[in-house]
Amino acid sequence: MQVTVSRKAHFNAAHRLFKKEWTDKQNEAIFGKCANPHYHGHNYELIVHVTGKIDPETGYVMDMKVLKDLIKAEVEELLDHKNLNEQVAEFFDLIPTAENIAVVIYNKLKPHLNKAHTLSVTLYETPRNFVTFSG
């Protein structure tokens, strides 16, 4: 029997969607307001889903306190109150779209999980715009 446990988290970050090799006009045509050279920010909501078998000893798929601490250490400390383009190495050469941020978060968390567990991350950039990545 597989069960999914989920933990919500939150972080605030600024970013700019643009390609360095494109002109401002090209960037604006593709990314619109998100290409603003002065950046813009979001209040991101993150939901981390871990799926696996229930441990008969503990009754847990995963200890939620462990998951909470992992998200804090690997995601919140990396991304919260940061300019993603300028302060987070993963985005120096990667456009910090919601899609790419979700993949980076997944890659930060996955190595710390039980190999038998599957991981999925859902990242809300706005209440109506969100992405999910499952590896």
Protein backbone atom coordinates (compact mmCIF):
# COMPACT_ATOMS: atom_id res chain seq x y z
CA MET A 1 0.00 0.00 0.00
CA GLN A 2 1.41 3.38 -1.05
CA VAL A 3 0.53 6.55 0.86
CA THR A 4 1.48 10.15 0.07
CA VAL A 5 2.40 12.60 2.81
CA SER A 6 2.65 16.28 1.98
CA ARG A 7 4.21 19.32 3.61
CA LYS A 8 3.53 22.97 2.71
CA ALA A 9 6.23 25.62 2.84
CA HIS A 10 6.55 29.25 1.82
CA PHE A 11 9.30 31.52 0.55
CA ASN A 12 9.56 34.97 -0.99
CA ALA A 13 11.95 35.65 -3.84
CA ALA A 14 12.63 38.08 -6.66
CA HIS A 15 13.57 37.14 -10.19
CA ARG A 16 13.73 38.28 -13.76
CA LEU A 17 12.88 36.12 -16.75
CA PHE A 18 15.29 36.92 -19.54
CA LYS A 19 18.01 35.51 -21.76
CA LYS A 20 21.30 37.40 -21.55
CA GLU A 21 22.01 36.95 -25.25
CA TRP A 22 18.66 38.47 -26.31
CA THR A 23 17.89 42.16 -26.66
CA ASP A 24 15.55 43.85 -24.19
CA LYS A 25 12.95 43.94 -26.97
CA GLN A 26 13.22 40.18 -27.58
CA ASN A 27 13.01 39.45 -23.85
CA GLU A 28 9.97 41.67 -23.45
CA ALA A 29 8.28 40.02 -26.45
CA ILE A 30 8.67 36.55 -24.87
CA PHE A 31 8.53 37.22 -21.12
CA GLY A 32 6.45 40.43 -20.97
CA LYS A 33 6.47 42.21 -17.60
CA CYS A 34 8.51 39.35 -16.14
CA ALA A 35 11.52 40.62 -18.15
CA ASN A 36 11.58 43.86 -16.14
CA PRO A 37 15.29 44.72 -15.69
CA HIS A 38 14.52 45.84 -12.12
CA TYR A 39 13.15 42.38 -11.23
CA HIS A 40 9.86 41.47 -9.55
CA GLY A 41 8.91 39.18 -6.70
CA HIS A 42 6.55 36.40 -5.71
CA ASN A 43 5.25 34.86 -2.51
CA TYR A 44 5.87 31.25 -3.48
CA GLU A 45 3.90 28.39 -1.92
CA LEU A 46 5.50 24.97 -2.08
CA ILE A 47 3.95 21.58 -1.45
CA VAL A 48 6.31 18.62 -1.18
CA HIS A 49 4.75 15.18 -1.64
CA VAL A 50 6.54 12.00 -0.55
CA THR A 51 4.99 8.67 -1.49
CA GLY A 52 5.93 5.30 -0.06
CA LYS A 53 4.93 2.38 2.10
CA ILE A 54 3.91 2.90 5.69
CA ASP A 55 6.63 1.73 8.05
CA PRO A 56 5.00 -0.89 10.31
CA GLU A 57 7.27 0.15 13.22
CA THR A 58 6.40 3.87 13.20
CA GLY A 59 3.20 4.12 11.19
CA TYR A 60 4.93 6.81 9.09
CA VAL A 61 5.75 7.03 5.42
CA MET A 62 8.18 9.73 6.54
CA ASP A 63 8.51 11.66 9.76
CA MET A 64 6.95 15.05 8.98
CA LYS A 65 9.39 16.83 11.31
CA VAL A 66 12.27 15.40 9.26
CA LEU A 67 10.56 16.57 6.05
CA LYS A 68 9.94 20.03 7.55
CA ASP A 69 13.60 20.37 8.55
CA LEU A 70 14.77 19.13 5.15
CA ILE A 71 12.64 21.69 3.29
CA LYS A 72 13.93 24.45 5.57
CA ALA A 73 17.58 23.48 5.09
CA GLU A 74 17.54 22.68 1.37
CA VAL A 75 14.88 25.06 0.00
CA GLU A 76 13.93 27.90 2.30
CA GLU A 77 17.50 28.77 3.33
CA LEU A 78 18.57 28.68 -0.33
CA LEU A 79 15.70 30.68 -1.85
CA ASP A 80 13.88 32.75 0.77
CA HIS A 81 14.30 36.53 0.44
CA LYS A 82 16.78 36.13 -2.41
CA ASN A 83 17.16 37.55 -5.87
CA LEU A 84 17.23 34.22 -7.66
CA ASN A 85 19.13 35.48 -10.70
CA GLU A 86 21.89 37.14 -8.69
CA GLN A 87 22.14 35.21 -5.43
CA VAL A 88 21.37 31.56 -6.20
CA ALA A 89 24.07 29.74 -8.16
CA GLU A 90 21.59 27.34 -9.77
CA PHE A 91 20.03 30.28 -11.63
CA PHE A 92 23.16 32.08 -12.79
CA ASP A 93 22.72 30.35 -16.17
CA LEU A 94 19.19 28.98 -15.83
CA ILE A 95 16.09 31.14 -16.26
CA PRO A 96 14.26 31.05 -12.89
CA THR A 97 10.83 30.16 -14.26
CA ALA A 98 8.45 28.33 -11.94
CA GLU A 99 9.21 25.18 -13.94
CA ASN A 100 12.96 25.47 -13.40
CA ILE A 101 12.58 26.42 -9.74
CA ALA A 102 10.47 23.28 -9.16
CA VAL A 103 13.14 21.11 -10.80
CA VAL A 104 15.89 22.70 -8.68
CA ILE A 105 13.85 22.10 -5.51
CA TYR A 106 13.23 18.47 -6.50
CA ASN A 107 16.95 17.95 -7.14
CA LYS A 108 17.83 19.46 -3.75
CA LEU A 109 15.39 17.23 -1.85
CA LYS A 110 15.54 13.88 -3.66
CA PRO A 111 19.04 12.77 -2.52
CA HIS A 112 17.95 13.09 1.13
CA LEU A 113 14.93 10.80 0.83
CA ASN A 114 14.59 7.06 1.21
CA LYS A 115 15.37 5.53 -2.21
CA ALA A 116 12.07 3.62 -2.09
CA HIS A 117 10.09 6.86 -1.83
CA THR A 118 8.90 8.91 -4.77
CA LEU A 119 8.94 12.70 -4.67
CA SER A 120 6.76 15.32 -6.28
CA VAL A 121 6.90 19.07 -5.78
CA THR A 122 4.14 21.55 -6.55
CA LEU A 123 5.18 25.19 -6.67
CA TYR A 124 2.65 28.02 -6.70
CA GLU A 125 4.05 31.23 -8.17
CA THR A 126 0.68 32.90 -7.73
CA PRO A 127 -2.58 31.49 -6.35
CA ARG A 128 -3.61 30.64 -9.93
CA ASN A 129 -0.26 29.72 -11.54
CA PHE A 130 1.51 26.59 -10.39
CA VAL A 131 3.70 23.76 -11.68
CA THR A 132 4.30 20.19 -10.54
CA PHE A 133 7.47 18.17 -11.09
CA SER A 134 7.81 14.48 -10.29
CA GLY A 135 11.22 13.62 -11.66
